[in-house]
C-alpha atoms as a PDB file:
ATOM      1  CA  MET A   1      90.079  33.926 183.282  1.00  0.00           C
ATOM      2  CA  PRO A   2      87.794  32.786 180.389  1.00  0.00           C
ATOM      3  CA  PRO A   3      84.156  32.131 181.254  1.00  0.00           C
ATOM      4  CA  SER A   4      84.436  28.424 180.313  1.00  0.00           C
ATOM      5  CA  THR A   5      87.092  27.926 182.964  1.00  0.00           C
ATOM      6  CA  ILE A   6      84.965  29.573 185.627  1.00  0.00           C
ATOM      7  CA  LEU A   7      81.967  27.428 184.677  1.00  0.00           C
ATOM      8  CA  GLY A   8      84.015  24.258 184.624  1.00  0.00           C
ATOM      9  CA  ARG A   9      83.197  23.325 181.032  1.00  0.00           C
ATOM     10  CA  ALA A  10      84.420  24.350 177.634  1.00  0.00           C
ATOM     11  CA  THR A  11      82.239  26.389 175.294  1.00  0.00           C
ATOM     12  CA  ARG A  12      80.037  24.046 173.217  1.00  0.00           C
ATOM     13  CA  THR A  13      79.460  24.387 169.446  1.00  0.00           C
ATOM     14  CA  SER A  14      76.116  23.444 167.970  1.00  0.00           C
ATOM     15  CA  VAL A  15      76.544  20.703 165.387  1.00  0.00           C
ATOM     16  CA  MET A  16      74.672  18.098 163.321  1.00  0.00           C
ATOM     17  CA  LEU A  17      76.804  15.006 163.985  1.00  0.00           C
ATOM     18  CA  SER A  18      76.220  11.377 164.737  1.00  0.00           C
ATOM     19  CA  ALA A  19      77.861   9.403 167.561  1.00  0.00           C
ATOM     20  CA  ASP A  20      77.997   5.699 168.247  1.00  0.00           C
ATOM     21  CA  VAL A  21      77.772   4.801 171.946  1.00  0.00           C
ATOM     22  CA  PHE A  22      78.967   1.522 173.434  1.00  0.00           C
ATOM     23  CA  GLN A  23      77.461   0.732 176.848  1.00  0.00           C
ATOM     24  CA  ALA A  24      78.313  -1.933 179.392  1.00  0.00           C
ATOM     25  CA  GLY A  25      76.046  -4.930 179.171  1.00  0.00           C
ATOM     26  CA  ARG A  26      74.929  -4.248 175.603  1.00  0.00           C
ATOM     27  CA  SER A  27      76.280  -5.799 172.442  1.00  0.00           C
ATOM     28  CA  GLY A  28      77.120  -3.385 169.651  1.00  0.00           C
ATOM     29  CA  SER A  29      76.552   0.326 169.756  1.00  0.00           C
ATOM     30  CA  THR A  30      73.621   2.672 169.567  1.00  0.00           C
ATOM     31  CA  ALA A  31      73.538   5.679 167.166  1.00  0.00           C
ATOM     32  CA  HIS A  32      72.694   9.148 168.539  1.00  0.00           C
ATOM     33  CA  ARG A  33      72.506  12.644 167.110  1.00  0.00           C
ATOM     34  CA  VAL A  34      74.979  15.060 168.695  1.00  0.00           C
ATOM     35  CA  THR A  35      73.461  18.491 169.338  1.00  0.00           C
ATOM     36  CA  ASN A  36      76.594  20.244 170.635  1.00  0.00           C
ATOM     37  CA  ILE A  37      80.209  19.372 171.312  1.00  0.00           C
ATOM     38  CA  SER A  38      83.396  20.820 172.849  1.00  0.00           C
ATOM     39  CA  GLU A  39      86.870  19.467 173.552  1.00  0.00           C
ATOM     40  CA  THR A  40      85.616  18.197 176.915  1.00  0.00           C
ATOM     41  CA  GLY A  41      82.098  16.911 176.269  1.00  0.00           C
ATOM     42  CA  MET A  42      78.932  16.719 174.199  1.00  0.00           C
ATOM     43  CA  CYS A  43      75.170  16.431 174.330  1.00  0.00           C
ATOM     44  CA  ILE A  44      73.347  13.560 172.615  1.00  0.00           C
ATOM     45  CA  VAL A  45      69.690  12.932 171.755  1.00  0.00           C
ATOM     46  CA  GLN A  46      67.631   9.794 172.798  1.00  0.00           C
ATOM     47  CA  PRO A  47      69.950   8.471 175.538  1.00  0.00           C
ATOM     48  CA  SER A  48      67.904   5.313 176.209  1.00  0.00           C
ATOM     49  CA  GLY A  49      69.560   3.152 178.844  1.00  0.00           C
ATOM     50  CA  LEU A  50      72.060   5.778 179.952  1.00  0.00           C
ATOM     51  CA  THR A  51      72.210   6.761 183.589  1.00  0.00           C
ATOM     52  CA  PRO A  52      74.170   9.539 185.283  1.00  0.00           C
ATOM     53  CA  GLY A  53      77.453   8.183 186.612  1.00  0.00           C
ATOM     54  CA  SER A  54      77.826   5.412 184.021  1.00  0.00           C
ATOM     55  CA  VAL A  55      80.837   5.213 181.729  1.00  0.00           C
ATOM     56  CA  VAL A  56      80.475   4.812 177.946  1.00  0.00           C
ATOM     57  CA  VAL A  57      82.775   4.546 174.970  1.00  0.00           C
ATOM     58  CA  LEU A  58      82.059   6.802 172.024  1.00  0.00           C
ATOM     59  CA  ALA A  59      82.904   7.156 168.356  1.00  0.00           C
ATOM     60  CA  VAL A  60      82.170  10.590 166.845  1.00  0.00           C
ATOM     61  CA  GLY A  61      83.344  11.711 163.444  1.00  0.00           C
ATOM     62  CA  ARG A  62      86.787  10.169 162.841  1.00  0.00           C
ATOM     63  CA  ILE A  63      87.444   9.698 166.528  1.00  0.00           C
ATOM     64  CA  GLU A  64      86.932   6.228 167.931  1.00  0.00           C
ATOM     65  CA  HIS A  65      86.924   4.815 171.482  1.00  0.00           C
ATOM     66  CA  VAL A  66      86.585   8.039 173.452  1.00  0.00           C
ATOM     67  CA  ILE A  67      85.782   7.315 177.084  1.00  0.00           C
ATOM     68  CA  ALA A  68      83.116   9.523 178.671  1.00  0.00           C
ATOM     69  CA  ASP A  69      81.043   9.831 181.841  1.00  0.00           C
ATOM     70  CA  VAL A  70      77.295  10.347 181.624  1.00  0.00           C
ATOM     71  CA  VAL A  71      76.847  13.529 183.669  1.00  0.00           C
ATOM     72  CA  TRP A  72      73.109  14.054 183.291  1.00  0.00           C
ATOM     73  CA  VAL A  73      70.075  12.650 181.489  1.00  0.00           C
ATOM     74  CA  ARG A  74      66.768  14.565 181.096  1.00  0.00           C
ATOM     75  CA  ALA A  75      64.128  15.495 178.536  1.00  0.00           C
ATOM     76  CA  GLY A  76      65.463  13.110 175.882  1.00  0.00           C
ATOM     77  CA  LEU A  77      69.028  14.445 176.099  1.00  0.00           C
ATOM     78  CA  ALA A  78      72.222  13.373 177.855  1.00  0.00           C
ATOM     79  CA  GLY A  79      75.364  15.335 178.781  1.00  0.00           C
ATOM     80  CA  LEU A  80      78.623  13.440 178.443  1.00  0.00           C
ATOM     81  CA  ARG A  81      82.055  14.479 179.732  1.00  0.00           C
ATOM     82  CA  PHE A  82      85.142  13.040 177.998  1.00  0.00           C
ATOM     83  CA  HIS A  83      87.959  11.619 180.153  1.00  0.00           C
ATOM     84  CA  GLU A  84      90.510  13.290 177.824  1.00  0.00           C
ATOM     85  CA  PRO A  85      90.078  16.331 175.548  1.00  0.00           C
ATOM     86  CA  VAL A  86      89.238  15.467 171.911  1.00  0.00           C
ATOM     87  CA  ASP A  87      90.339  17.034 168.641  1.00  0.00           C
ATOM     88  CA  LEU A  88      87.210  18.941 167.497  1.00  0.00           C
ATOM     89  CA  ALA A  89      88.363  18.986 163.857  1.00  0.00           C
ATOM     90  CA  LEU A  90      88.505  15.168 163.817  1.00  0.00           C
ATOM     91  CA  ALA A  91      85.235  14.866 165.723  1.00  0.00           C
ATOM     92  CA  LYS A  92      83.530  17.079 163.094  1.00  0.00           C
ATOM     93  CA  THR A  93      85.042  15.219 160.128  1.00  0.00           C
ATOM     94  CA  ARG A  94      82.665  12.663 158.621  1.00  0.00           C
ATOM     95  CA  ARG A  95      83.667   8.983 158.471  1.00  0.00           C
ATOM     96  CA  LEU A  96      84.325   7.392 155.153  1.00  0.00           C
ATOM     97  CA  ALA A  97      81.280   5.746 153.583  1.00  0.00           C
ATOM     98  CA  GLY A  98      80.936   2.151 154.744  1.00  0.00           C
ATOM     99  CA  HIS A  99      83.285   2.530 157.698  1.00  0.00           C
ATOM    100  CA  VAL A 100      82.174   0.269 160.567  1.00  0.00           C
ATOM    101  CA  ILE A 101      83.052   1.112 164.127  1.00  0.00           C
ATOM    102  CA  ALA A 102      84.626  -1.844 165.885  1.00  0.00           C
ATOM    103  CA  PRO A 103      83.728  -2.393 169.560  1.00  0.00           C
ATOM    104  CA  PRO A 104      86.447  -1.620 172.124  1.00  0.00           C
ATOM    105  CA  SER A 105      89.109  -4.296 172.079  1.00  0.00           C
ATOM    106  CA  ALA A 106      91.866  -3.375 174.531  1.00  0.00           C
ATOM    107  CA  GLY A 107      92.298  -3.229 178.281  1.00  0.00           C
ATOM    108  CA  TRP A 108      89.163  -2.660 180.387  1.00  0.00           C
ATOM    109  CA  LEU A 109      87.420  -1.376 177.240  1.00  0.00           C
ATOM    110  CA  ALA A 110      87.365  -4.884 175.824  1.00  0.00           C
ATOM    111  CA  ALA A 111      85.402  -6.039 178.917  1.00  0.00           C
ATOM    112  CA  LEU A 112      82.856  -3.246 178.597  1.00  0.00           C
ATOM    113  CA  ASN A 113      80.206  -5.581 177.227  1.00  0.00           C
ATOM    114  CA  ASP A 114      81.279  -8.663 179.144  1.00  0.00           C
ATOM    115  CA  PRO A 115      78.555  -9.487 181.655  1.00  0.00           C
ATOM    116  CA  TYR A 116      81.024 -11.650 183.570  1.00  0.00           C
ATOM    117  CA  ALA A 117      83.738  -8.994 183.993  1.00  0.00           C
ATOM    118  CA  SER A 118      83.992  -7.542 187.445  1.00  0.00           C
END
C-alpha cells in the first residue's frame, strides 16, 4: 500500500501557483499563492477569513469552481481538501491573459455569497 494511502492524503508537489478563493458571505474572490498541491488538496498562503470546517470554492490554473473544505489554518497557511480529485495538469496550467474568474452560478454554489440563503 502506498504511503499516501496510509496517511490519508496524496503526495503534494511544491508549486508556484495562484488560486482564487470564493467564500460564503464575501463578494468576489481573494487571490492566494499556492505552496503545494495534489489531486486531493492544496496549501495556500494568507488565508484571512478562513476557518477550519468552512467550505470554499476555488479556481486554480485552468480549473474553476472546485469545492474544498478548509481542514486547518495556522501560521499564515491553510490546508484545503477537495471534494473531488482534480486534474493536476490543468491545475498547473496558467490561465490565458485577461481571463476573469466568474463567481459560482449554479446550484448551492450560486448561493455561496448570498447572506439570505439558508
